[in-house]
Amino acid sequence: MDEITYKTTTEFDKDLKKLVKKFRSLPEDLETVKVSVVELYHLQNIDNQSVFPIPHFCSEELLICKIKKFACKSLKGKGCHSGIRVVYSFDIESKEVEFIEIYYKGNKANEDKDRISAYLKK
């Protein structure tokens, strides 16, 4: 089976560092999401209603997706309805995922479209 390569942007690393202060389990939760959400969706074509391609940012080669169902152990009792959102790009040919943004819905309603546009220009 194919392997997915994972990378992060500098902005994502900063987001994560800030959020980890409040939600200590995030690095571990992110590892779980890679296997149980990203790889199921992109490698095995199993849609568990967690991943949503973001309209107007996807192309034939690159998908920009948002994970809406993110189980965070630090948010007890919430399960996958934690309010944590992750935005990433998936390169279809190279099977490479690059995490662009992570945020908590309680602090911010939607993804940073300017950040995604800037990412796509790189």
Foldseek 3Di string as FASTA:
>chain_A
DDDEAEAEDPQAVVQCVVVCVQQVCVVVLVVVCVPPPVCCCQPVVDCPPQKDFDPPLDDPFKTWIKGQQGAGVSQPPCHRNQQKMWIWMAGNPVNYIYTQHIDGCVVPPDDDVVSSVVVVVD
